[in-house]
Amino acid sequence: MDMGSCLKNNGQPCNGDVTSDITRYSKMIINPNISSWCHPDHQGVCPPYHTFPNGTRVQRNDTARFPYAAYHFYCSPGNGKYLEFPYTLCDPYSNPQPQEI
């Protein structure tokens, strides 16, 4: 499975500007028996929100509707302007962009 998405560091939708658009999300599960770290009791490793194909957006603290099983791990960019607490920062030495697994 390969999934992708795009955002700007300030929360605005992508507009094709490669200097400010952030393409993120690459999901490849090698061992499907590994459990997800993202769950209602550990929201700091979940993305702040999920956008469904119909455009509906659900926040990670909406435990009845957020698809926790869709995310194994999420880390926020070290240079993020508006990080939502709780968050986990990505490795500052390897990639300043948000990353999801």
PDB file of N, CA and C in Angstrom:
ATOM      1  N   MET A   1       0.848  -1.167   0.000  1.00  0.00           N
ATOM      2  CA  MET A   1       0.000   0.000   0.000  1.00  0.00           C
ATOM      3  C   MET A   1       0.894   1.230   0.000  1.00  0.00           C
ATOM      4  N   ASP A   2       0.581   2.186  -0.826  1.00  0.00           N
ATOM      5  CA  ASP A   2       1.318   3.435  -0.902  1.00  0.00           C
ATOM      6  C   ASP A   2       0.314   4.569  -0.852  1.00  0.00           C
ATOM      7  N   MET A   3       0.441   5.444   0.119  1.00  0.00           N
ATOM      8  CA  MET A   3      -0.490   6.552   0.274  1.00  0.00           C
ATOM      9  C   MET A   3       0.303   7.845   0.309  1.00  0.00           C
ATOM     10  N   GLY A   4      -0.304   8.934  -0.074  1.00  0.00           N
ATOM     11  CA  GLY A   4       0.390  10.208  -0.040  1.00  0.00           C
ATOM     12  C   GLY A   4      -0.547  11.352   0.272  1.00  0.00           C
ATOM     13  N   SER A   5       0.025  12.458   0.716  1.00  0.00           N
ATOM     14  CA  SER A   5      -0.758  13.652   0.992  1.00  0.00           C
ATOM     15  C   SER A   5       0.160  14.861   0.941  1.00  0.00           C
ATOM     16  N   CYS A   6      -0.418  16.031   1.061  1.00  0.00           N
ATOM     17  CA  CYS A   6       0.359  17.263   0.978  1.00  0.00           C
ATOM     18  C   CYS A   6      -0.234  18.285   1.934  1.00  0.00           C
ATOM     19  N   LEU A   7       0.619  19.142   2.523  1.00  0.00           N
ATOM     20  CA  LEU A   7       0.185  20.219   3.387  1.00  0.00           C
ATOM     21  C   LEU A   7       1.225  21.317   3.365  1.00  0.00           C
ATOM     22  N   LYS A   8       0.880  22.458   3.917  1.00  0.00           N
ATOM     23  CA  LYS A   8       1.846  23.523   4.133  1.00  0.00           C
ATOM     24  C   LYS A   8       2.155  23.553   5.621  1.00  0.00           C
ATOM     25  N   ASN A   9       3.332  24.046   5.955  1.00  0.00           N
ATOM     26  CA  ASN A   9       3.753  24.084   7.348  1.00  0.00           C
ATOM     27  C   ASN A   9       2.877  25.001   8.199  1.00  0.00           C
ATOM     28  N   ASN A  10       2.118  25.899   7.558  1.00  0.00           N
ATOM     29  CA  ASN A  10       1.247  26.797   8.308  1.00  0.00           C
ATOM     30  C   ASN A  10      -0.203  26.321   8.345  1.00  0.00           C
ATOM     31  N   GLY A  11      -0.460  25.101   7.848  1.00  0.00           N
ATOM     32  CA  GLY A  11      -1.800  24.533   7.896  1.00  0.00           C
ATOM     33  C   GLY A  11      -2.655  24.807   6.680  1.00  0.00           C
ATOM     34  N   GLN A  12      -2.205  25.634   5.767  1.00  0.00           N
ATOM     35  CA  GLN A  12      -2.963  25.945   4.555  1.00  0.00           C
ATOM     36  C   GLN A  12      -2.881  24.785   3.563  1.00  0.00           C
ATOM     37  N   PRO A  13      -3.841  24.668   2.640  1.00  0.00           N
ATOM     38  CA  PRO A  13      -3.777  23.610   1.628  1.00  0.00           C
ATOM     39  C   PRO A  13      -2.617  23.844   0.659  1.00  0.00           C
ATOM     40  N   CYS A  14      -2.131  22.781   0.059  1.00  0.00           N
ATOM     41  CA  CYS A  14      -1.062  22.894  -0.932  1.00  0.00           C
ATOM     42  C   CYS A  14      -1.560  23.641  -2.162  1.00  0.00           C
ATOM     43  N   ASN A  15      -0.633  24.361  -2.804  1.00  0.00           N
ATOM     44  CA  ASN A  15      -0.991  25.117  -4.005  1.00  0.00           C
ATOM     45  C   ASN A  15       0.027  24.928  -5.125  1.00  0.00           C
ATOM     46  N   GLY A  16       0.923  23.961  -4.991  1.00  0.00           N
ATOM     47  CA  GLY A  16       1.907  23.700  -6.029  1.00  0.00           C
ATOM     48  C   GLY A  16       3.220  24.431  -5.846  1.00  0.00           C
ATOM     49  N   ASP A  17       3.339  25.279  -4.831  1.00  0.00           N
ATOM     50  CA  ASP A  17       4.583  25.998  -4.570  1.00  0.00           C
ATOM     51  C   ASP A  17       5.562  25.048  -3.885  1.00  0.00           C
ATOM     52  N   VAL A  18       6.569  24.600  -4.630  1.00  0.00           N
ATOM     53  CA  VAL A  18       7.480  23.582  -4.100  1.00  0.00           C
ATOM     54  C   VAL A  18       8.375  24.109  -2.984  1.00  0.00           C
ATOM     55  N   THR A  19       8.417  25.425  -2.774  1.00  0.00           N
ATOM     56  CA  THR A  19       9.229  25.955  -1.679  1.00  0.00           C
ATOM     57  C   THR A  19       8.495  25.917  -0.346  1.00  0.00           C
ATOM     58  N   SER A  20       7.171  25.730  -0.386  1.00  0.00           N
ATOM     59  CA  SER A  20       6.422  25.702   0.872  1.00  0.00           C
ATOM     60  C   SER A  20       5.482  24.504   1.009  1.00  0.00           C
ATOM     61  N   ASP A  21       5.190  23.796  -0.081  1.00  0.00           N
ATOM     62  CA  ASP A  21       4.370  22.584   0.016  1.00  0.00           C
ATOM     63  C   ASP A  21       5.206  21.461   0.623  1.00  0.00           C
ATOM     64  N   ILE A  22       4.593  20.666   1.460  1.00  0.00           N
ATOM     65  CA  ILE A  22       5.266  19.529   2.076  1.00  0.00           C
ATOM     66  C   ILE A  22       4.523  18.275   1.662  1.00  0.00           C
ATOM     67  N   THR A  23       5.162  17.452   0.865  1.00  0.00           N
ATOM     68  CA  THR A  23       4.564  16.171   0.508  1.00  0.00           C
ATOM     69  C   THR A  23       4.953  15.194   1.595  1.00  0.00           C
ATOM     70  N   ARG A  24       4.006  14.459   2.080  1.00  0.00           N
ATOM     71  CA  ARG A  24       4.305  13.545   3.176  1.00  0.00           C
ATOM     72  C   ARG A  24       3.493  12.277   3.042  1.00  0.00           C
ATOM     73  N   TYR A  25       3.839  11.355   3.811  1.00  0.00           N
ATOM     74  CA  TYR A  25       3.191  10.081   4.009  1.00  0.00           C
ATOM     75  C   TYR A  25       3.655   9.041   3.028  1.00  0.00           C
ATOM     76  N   SER A  26       4.377   8.144   3.530  1.00  0.00           N
ATOM     77  CA  SER A  26       4.715   6.945   2.783  1.00  0.00           C
ATOM     78  C   SER A  26       4.493   5.800   3.740  1.00  0.00           C
ATOM     79  N   LYS A  27       3.618   4.925   3.383  1.00  0.00           N
ATOM     80  CA  LYS A  27       3.289   3.829   4.286  1.00  0.00           C
ATOM     81  C   LYS A  27       3.573   2.521   3.585  1.00  0.00           C
ATOM     82  N   MET A  28       4.475   1.778   4.153  1.00  0.00           N
ATOM     83  CA  MET A  28       4.757   0.448   3.646  1.00  0.00           C
ATOM     84  C   MET A  28       4.916  -0.450   4.871  1.00  0.00           C
ATOM     85  N   ILE A  29       4.005  -1.338   5.062  1.00  0.00           N
ATOM     86  CA  ILE A  29       4.032  -2.229   6.217  1.00  0.00           C
ATOM     87  C   ILE A  29       4.709  -3.530   5.812  1.00  0.00           C
ATOM     88  N   ILE A  30       5.867  -3.782   6.386  1.00  0.00           N
ATOM     89  CA  ILE A  30       6.595  -5.009   6.085  1.00  0.00           C
ATOM     90  C   ILE A  30       6.068  -6.155   6.940  1.00  0.00           C
ATOM     91  N   ASN A  31       5.804  -5.879   8.202  1.00  0.00           N
ATOM     92  CA  ASN A  31       5.275  -6.894   9.106  1.00  0.00           C
ATOM     93  C   ASN A  31       3.895  -6.445   9.587  1.00  0.00           C
ATOM     94  N   PRO A  32       2.818  -6.954   8.999  1.00  0.00           N
ATOM     95  CA  PRO A  32       1.476  -6.502   9.387  1.00  0.00           C
ATOM     96  C   PRO A  32       1.090  -6.882  10.815  1.00  0.00           C
ATOM     97  N   ASN A  33       1.879  -7.704  11.480  1.00  0.00           N
ATOM     98  CA  ASN A  33       1.572  -8.081  12.858  1.00  0.00           C
ATOM     99  C   ASN A  33       2.048  -7.043  13.870  1.00  0.00           C
ATOM    100  N   ILE A  34       2.773  -6.039  13.412  1.00  0.00           N
ATOM    101  CA  ILE A  34       3.218  -4.965  14.297  1.00  0.00           C
ATOM    102  C   ILE A  34       2.017  -4.084  14.615  1.00  0.00           C
ATOM    103  N   SER A  35       1.804  -3.805  15.888  1.00  0.00           N
ATOM    104  CA  SER A  35       0.654  -2.979  16.255  1.00  0.00           C
ATOM    105  C   SER A  35       0.986  -1.496  16.093  1.00  0.00           C
ATOM    106  N   SER A  36      -0.037  -0.711  15.890  1.00  0.00           N
ATOM    107  CA  SER A  36       0.101   0.727  15.708  1.00  0.00           C
ATOM    108  C   SER A  36       0.439   1.404  17.026  1.00  0.00           C
ATOM    109  N   TRP A  37       1.293   2.410  16.986  1.00  0.00           N
ATOM    110  CA  TRP A  37       1.566   3.219  18.175  1.00  0.00           C
ATOM    111  C   TRP A  37       0.506   4.306  18.328  1.00  0.00           C
ATOM    112  N   CYS A  38      -0.131   4.668  17.232  1.00  0.00           N
ATOM    113  CA  CYS A  38      -1.159   5.712  17.245  1.00  0.00           C
ATOM    114  C   CYS A  38      -2.472   5.107  17.737  1.00  0.00           C
ATOM    115  N   HIS A  39      -2.934   5.576  18.876  1.00  0.00           N
ATOM    116  CA  HIS A  39      -4.215   5.118  19.412  1.00  0.00           C
ATOM    117  C   HIS A  39      -4.752   6.189  20.368  1.00  0.00           C
ATOM    118  N   PRO A  40      -5.988   6.084  20.805  1.00  0.00           N
ATOM    119  CA  PRO A  40      -6.599   7.145  21.615  1.00  0.00           C
ATOM    120  C   PRO A  40      -5.813   7.523  22.867  1.00  0.00           C
ATOM    121  N   ASP A  41      -5.074   6.585  23.449  1.00  0.00           N
ATOM    122  CA  ASP A  41      -4.315   6.873  24.664  1.00  0.00           C
ATOM    123  C   ASP A  41      -2.901   7.365  24.391  1.00  0.00           C
ATOM    124  N   HIS A  42      -2.512   7.488  23.123  1.00  0.00           N
ATOM    125  CA  HIS A  42      -1.151   7.898  22.756  1.00  0.00           C
ATOM    126  C   HIS A  42      -1.228   8.817  21.535  1.00  0.00           C
ATOM    127  N   GLN A  43      -1.946   9.923  21.660  1.00  0.00           N
ATOM    128  CA  GLN A  43      -2.246  10.786  20.521  1.00  0.00           C
ATOM    129  C   GLN A  43      -1.057  11.601  20.026  1.00  0.00           C
ATOM    130  N   GLY A  44       0.015  11.680  20.799  1.00  0.00           N
ATOM    131  CA  GLY A  44       1.194  12.433  20.382  1.00  0.00           C
ATOM    132  C   GLY A  44       1.924  11.832  19.202  1.00  0.00           C
ATOM    133  N   VAL A  45       1.619  10.597  18.850  1.00  0.00           N
ATOM    134  CA  VAL A  45       2.227   9.963  17.673  1.00  0.00           C
ATOM    135  C   VAL A  45       1.182   9.740  16.579  1.00  0.00           C
ATOM    136  N   CYS A  46       0.094  10.503  16.642  1.00  0.00           N
ATOM    137  CA  CYS A  46      -0.947  10.492  15.609  1.00  0.00           C
ATOM    138  C   CYS A  46      -0.935  11.861  14.930  1.00  0.00           C
ATOM    139  N   PRO A  47      -1.296  11.934  13.652  1.00  0.00           N
ATOM    140  CA  PRO A  47      -1.403  13.256  13.031  1.00  0.00           C
ATOM    141  C   PRO A  47      -2.530  14.051  13.690  1.00  0.00           C
ATOM    142  N   PRO A  48      -2.463  15.382  13.664  1.00  0.00           N
ATOM    143  CA  PRO A  48      -3.487  16.195  14.335  1.00  0.00           C
ATOM    144  C   PRO A  48      -4.897  15.960  13.815  1.00  0.00           C
ATOM    145  N   TYR A  49      -5.013  15.609  12.534  1.00  0.00           N
ATOM    146  CA  TYR A  49      -6.334  15.351  11.963  1.00  0.00           C
ATOM    147  C   TYR A  49      -6.211  14.389  10.793  1.00  0.00           C
ATOM    148  N   HIS A  50      -7.344  13.820  10.407  1.00  0.00           N
ATOM    149  CA  HIS A  50      -7.427  12.937   9.246  1.00  0.00           C
ATOM    150  C   HIS A  50      -8.473  13.521   8.310  1.00  0.00           C
ATOM    151  N   THR A  51      -8.180  13.533   7.018  1.00  0.00           N
ATOM    152  CA  THR A  51      -9.137  14.007   6.027  1.00  0.00           C
ATOM    153  C   THR A  51      -9.626  12.821   5.210  1.00  0.00           C
ATOM    154  N   PHE A  52     -10.923  12.587   5.243  1.00  0.00           N
ATOM    155  CA  PHE A  52     -11.521  11.497   4.482  1.00  0.00           C
ATOM    156  C   PHE A  52     -11.634  11.896   3.008  1.00  0.00           C
ATOM    157  N   PRO A  53     -11.808  10.924   2.097  1.00  0.00           N
ATOM    158  CA  PRO A  53     -11.903  11.240   0.664  1.00  0.00           C
ATOM    159  C   PRO A  53     -12.992  12.259   0.312  1.00  0.00           C
ATOM    160  N   ASN A  54     -14.049  12.337   1.112  1.00  0.00           N
ATOM    161  CA  ASN A  54     -15.126  13.295   0.818  1.00  0.00           C
ATOM    162  C   ASN A  54     -14.823  14.699   1.343  1.00  0.00           C
ATOM    163  N   GLY A  55     -13.620  14.889   1.927  1.00  0.00           N
ATOM    164  CA  GLY A  55     -13.214  16.196   2.434  1.00  0.00           C
ATOM    165  C   GLY A  55     -13.498  16.418   3.904  1.00  0.00           C
ATOM    166  N   THR A  56     -14.247  15.528   4.539  1.00  0.00           N
ATOM    167  CA  THR A  56     -14.537  15.649   5.962  1.00  0.00           C
ATOM    168  C   THR A  56     -13.250  15.484   6.756  1.00  0.00           C
ATOM    169  N   ARG A  57     -13.014  16.399   7.681  1.00  0.00           N
ATOM    170  CA  ARG A  57     -11.814  16.360   8.512  1.00  0.00           C
ATOM    171  C   ARG A  57     -12.211  16.020   9.945  1.00  0.00           C
ATOM    172  N   VAL A  58     -11.476  15.098  10.557  1.00  0.00           N
ATOM    173  CA  VAL A  58     -11.754  14.706  11.939  1.00  0.00           C
ATOM    174  C   VAL A  58     -10.469  14.855  12.753  1.00  0.00           C
ATOM    175  N   GLN A  59     -10.583  15.481  13.922  1.00  0.00           N
ATOM    176  CA  GLN A  59      -9.439  15.688  14.804  1.00  0.00           C
ATOM    177  C   GLN A  59      -9.085  14.388  15.529  1.00  0.00           C
ATOM    178  N   ARG A  60      -7.820  14.242  15.893  1.00  0.00           N
ATOM    179  CA  ARG A  60      -7.363  13.007  16.539  1.00  0.00           C
ATOM    180  C   ARG A  60      -7.978  12.791  17.916  1.00  0.00           C
ATOM    181  N   ASN A  61      -8.484  13.845  18.558  1.00  0.00           N
ATOM    182  CA  ASN A  61      -9.111  13.650  19.873  1.00  0.00           C
ATOM    183  C   ASN A  61     -10.576  13.246  19.772  1.00  0.00           C
ATOM    184  N   ASP A  62     -11.082  13.098  18.554  1.00  0.00           N
ATOM    185  CA  ASP A  62     -12.437  12.575  18.334  1.00  0.00           C
ATOM    186  C   ASP A  62     -12.318  11.051  18.291  1.00  0.00           C
ATOM    187  N   THR A  63     -12.286  10.445  19.463  1.00  0.00           N
ATOM    188  CA  THR A  63     -11.972   9.012  19.564  1.00  0.00           C
ATOM    189  C   THR A  63     -13.009   8.109  18.915  1.00  0.00           C
ATOM    190  N   ALA A  64     -14.204   8.607  18.684  1.00  0.00           N
ATOM    191  CA  ALA A  64     -15.236   7.785  18.042  1.00  0.00           C
ATOM    192  C   ALA A  64     -15.080   7.740  16.522  1.00  0.00           C
ATOM    193  N   ARG A  65     -14.453   8.769  15.927  1.00  0.00           N
ATOM    194  CA  ARG A  65     -14.407   8.849  14.462  1.00  0.00           C
ATOM    195  C   ARG A  65     -13.006   8.821  13.856  1.00  0.00           C
ATOM    196  N   PHE A  66     -11.970   9.143  14.629  1.00  0.00           N
ATOM    197  CA  PHE A  66     -10.615   9.191  14.064  1.00  0.00           C
ATOM    198  C   PHE A  66     -10.137   7.774  13.737  1.00  0.00           C
ATOM    199  N   PRO A  67      -9.603   7.552  12.526  1.00  0.00           N
ATOM    200  CA  PRO A  67      -9.157   6.199  12.135  1.00  0.00           C
ATOM    201  C   PRO A  67      -7.735   5.899  12.624  1.00  0.00           C
ATOM    202  N   TYR A  68      -7.590   5.646  13.916  1.00  0.00           N
ATOM    203  CA  TYR A  68      -6.266   5.406  14.502  1.00  0.00           C
ATOM    204  C   TYR A  68      -5.522   4.271  13.807  1.00  0.00           C
ATOM    205  N   ALA A  69      -6.236   3.250  13.377  1.00  0.00           N
ATOM    206  CA  ALA A  69      -5.594   2.093  12.746  1.00  0.00           C
ATOM    207  C   ALA A  69      -4.942   2.444  11.410  1.00  0.00           C
ATOM    208  N   ALA A  70      -5.283   3.593  10.837  1.00  0.00           N
ATOM    209  CA  ALA A  70      -4.687   3.995   9.558  1.00  0.00           C
ATOM    210  C   ALA A  70      -3.275   4.540   9.735  1.00  0.00           C
ATOM    211  N   TYR A  71      -2.870   4.826  10.958  1.00  0.00           N
ATOM    212  CA  TYR A  71      -1.566   5.438  11.222  1.00  0.00           C
ATOM    213  C   TYR A  71      -0.779   4.588  12.208  1.00  0.00           C
ATOM    214  N   HIS A  72       0.436   4.238  11.834  1.00  0.00           N
ATOM    215  CA  HIS A  72       1.296   3.506  12.760  1.00  0.00           C
ATOM    216  C   HIS A  72       2.094   4.467  13.620  1.00  0.00           C
ATOM    217  N   PHE A  73       2.616   5.535  13.023  1.00  0.00           N
ATOM    218  CA  PHE A  73       3.421   6.507  13.756  1.00  0.00           C
ATOM    219  C   PHE A  73       3.452   7.804  12.963  1.00  0.00           C
ATOM    220  N   TYR A  74       3.390   8.924  13.663  1.00  0.00           N
ATOM    221  CA  TYR A  74       3.479  10.231  13.024  1.00  0.00           C
ATOM    222  C   TYR A  74       4.423  11.081  13.851  1.00  0.00           C
ATOM    223  N   CYS A  75       5.300  11.819  13.183  1.00  0.00           N
ATOM    224  CA  CYS A  75       6.134  12.779  13.902  1.00  0.00           C
ATOM    225  C   CYS A  75       6.009  14.135  13.230  1.00  0.00           C
ATOM    226  N   SER A  76       6.078  15.175  14.037  1.00  0.00           N
ATOM    227  CA  SER A  76       5.914  16.548  13.553  1.00  0.00           C
ATOM    228  C   SER A  76       7.255  17.125  13.130  1.00  0.00           C
ATOM    229  N   PRO A  77       7.240  18.061  12.164  1.00  0.00           N
ATOM    230  CA  PRO A  77       8.495  18.673  11.726  1.00  0.00           C
ATOM    231  C   PRO A  77       9.069  19.570  12.815  1.00  0.00           C
ATOM    232  N   GLY A  78      10.370  19.556  12.964  1.00  0.00           N
ATOM    233  CA  GLY A  78      11.021  20.395  13.968  1.00  0.00           C
ATOM    234  C   GLY A  78      10.839  21.877  13.713  1.00  0.00           C
ATOM    235  N   ASN A  79      10.537  22.249  12.473  1.00  0.00           N
ATOM    236  CA  ASN A  79      10.345  23.658  12.141  1.00  0.00           C
ATOM    237  C   ASN A  79       8.867  24.015  11.983  1.00  0.00           C
ATOM    238  N   GLY A  80       7.977  23.199  12.533  1.00  0.00           N
ATOM    239  CA  GLY A  80       6.547  23.462  12.418  1.00  0.00           C
ATOM    240  C   GLY A  80       6.152  24.753  13.119  1.00  0.00           C
ATOM    241  N   LYS A  81       5.316  25.549  12.482  1.00  0.00           N
ATOM    242  CA  LYS A  81       4.905  26.834  13.054  1.00  0.00           C
ATOM    243  C   LYS A  81       3.767  26.694  14.053  1.00  0.00           C
ATOM    244  N   TYR A  82       2.861  25.751  13.826  1.00  0.00           N
ATOM    245  CA  TYR A  82       1.668  25.634  14.663  1.00  0.00           C
ATOM    246  C   TYR A  82       1.460  24.188  15.088  1.00  0.00           C
ATOM    247  N   LEU A  83       2.391  23.632  15.846  1.00  0.00           N
ATOM    248  CA  LEU A  83       2.267  22.242  16.278  1.00  0.00           C
ATOM    249  C   LEU A  83       1.189  22.130  17.346  1.00  0.00           C
ATOM    250  N   GLU A  84       0.361  21.108  17.215  1.00  0.00           N
ATOM    251  CA  GLU A  84      -0.704  20.883  18.186  1.00  0.00           C
ATOM    252  C   GLU A  84      -0.216  19.906  19.245  1.00  0.00           C
ATOM    253  N   PHE A  85      -0.319  20.307  20.504  1.00  0.00           N
ATOM    254  CA  PHE A  85       0.086  19.449  21.612  1.00  0.00           C
ATOM    255  C   PHE A  85      -0.959  18.357  21.804  1.00  0.00           C
ATOM    256  N   PRO A  86      -0.604  17.137  22.098  1.00  0.00           N
ATOM    257  CA  PRO A  86       0.762  16.623  22.216  1.00  0.00           C
ATOM    258  C   PRO A  86       1.364  16.321  20.845  1.00  0.00           C
ATOM    259  N   TYR A  87       2.690  16.354  20.757  1.00  0.00           N
ATOM    260  CA  TYR A  87       3.361  16.024  19.508  1.00  0.00           C
ATOM    261  C   TYR A  87       4.701  15.354  19.789  1.00  0.00           C
ATOM    262  N   THR A  88       5.202  14.664  18.786  1.00  0.00           N
ATOM    263  CA  THR A  88       6.515  14.032  18.812  1.00  0.00           C
ATOM    264  C   THR A  88       7.281  14.607  17.632  1.00  0.00           C
ATOM    265  N   LEU A  89       8.474  15.151  17.885  1.00  0.00           N
ATOM    266  CA  LEU A  89       9.264  15.732  16.803  1.00  0.00           C
ATOM    267  C   LEU A  89      10.020  14.656  16.041  1.00  0.00           C
ATOM    268  N   CYS A  90      10.166  14.875  14.728  1.00  0.00           N
ATOM    269  CA  CYS A  90      10.977  13.993  13.898  1.00  0.00           C
ATOM    270  C   CYS A  90      12.447  14.208  14.252  1.00  0.00           C
ATOM    271  N   ASP A  91      13.291  13.324  13.814  1.00  0.00           N
ATOM    272  CA  ASP A  91      14.729  13.452  14.007  1.00  0.00           C
ATOM    273  C   ASP A  91      15.196  14.757  13.358  1.00  0.00           C
ATOM    274  N   PRO A  92      15.695  15.722  14.132  1.00  0.00           N
ATOM    275  CA  PRO A  92      16.055  17.025  13.560  1.00  0.00           C
ATOM    276  C   PRO A  92      17.252  16.977  12.617  1.00  0.00           C
ATOM    277  N   TYR A  93      18.005  15.889  12.646  1.00  0.00           N
ATOM    278  CA  TYR A  93      19.202  15.808  11.820  1.00  0.00           C
ATOM    279  C   TYR A  93      18.963  15.146  10.474  1.00  0.00           C
ATOM    280  N   SER A  94      17.815  14.505  10.292  1.00  0.00           N
ATOM    281  CA  SER A  94      17.614  13.770   9.050  1.00  0.00           C
ATOM    282  C   SER A  94      16.585  14.398   8.118  1.00  0.00           C
ATOM    283  N   ASN A  95      15.524  14.981   8.661  1.00  0.00           N
ATOM    284  CA  ASN A  95      14.466  15.471   7.791  1.00  0.00           C
ATOM    285  C   ASN A  95      13.594  16.457   8.559  1.00  0.00           C
ATOM    286  N   PRO A  96      13.513  17.719   8.115  1.00  0.00           N
ATOM    287  CA  PRO A  96      12.681  18.693   8.819  1.00  0.00           C
ATOM    288  C   PRO A  96      11.203  18.584   8.478  1.00  0.00           C
ATOM    289  N   GLN A  97      10.821  17.680   7.579  1.00  0.00           N
ATOM    290  CA  GLN A  97       9.436  17.555   7.161  1.00  0.00           C
ATOM    291  C   GLN A  97       8.695  16.562   8.059  1.00  0.00           C
ATOM    292  N   PRO A  98       7.354  16.683   8.160  1.00  0.00           N
ATOM    293  CA  PRO A  98       6.599  15.710   8.926  1.00  0.00           C
ATOM    294  C   PRO A  98       6.679  14.348   8.252  1.00  0.00           C
ATOM    295  N   GLN A  99       6.651  13.318   9.056  1.00  0.00           N
ATOM    296  CA  GLN A  99       6.770  11.967   8.530  1.00  0.00           C
ATOM    297  C   GLN A  99       5.739  11.079   9.201  1.00  0.00           C
ATOM    298  N   GLU A 100       5.191  10.171   8.433  1.00  0.00           N
ATOM    299  CA  GLU A 100       4.244   9.203   8.972  1.00  0.00           C
ATOM    300  C   GLU A 100       4.655   7.828   8.512  1.00  0.00           C
ATOM    301  N   ILE A 101       4.379   6.857   9.338  1.00  0.00           N
ATOM    302  CA  ILE A 101       4.644   5.459   8.969  1.00  0.00           C
ATOM    303  C   ILE A 101       3.376   4.680   9.214  1.00  0.00           C
TER     304      ILE A 101
END
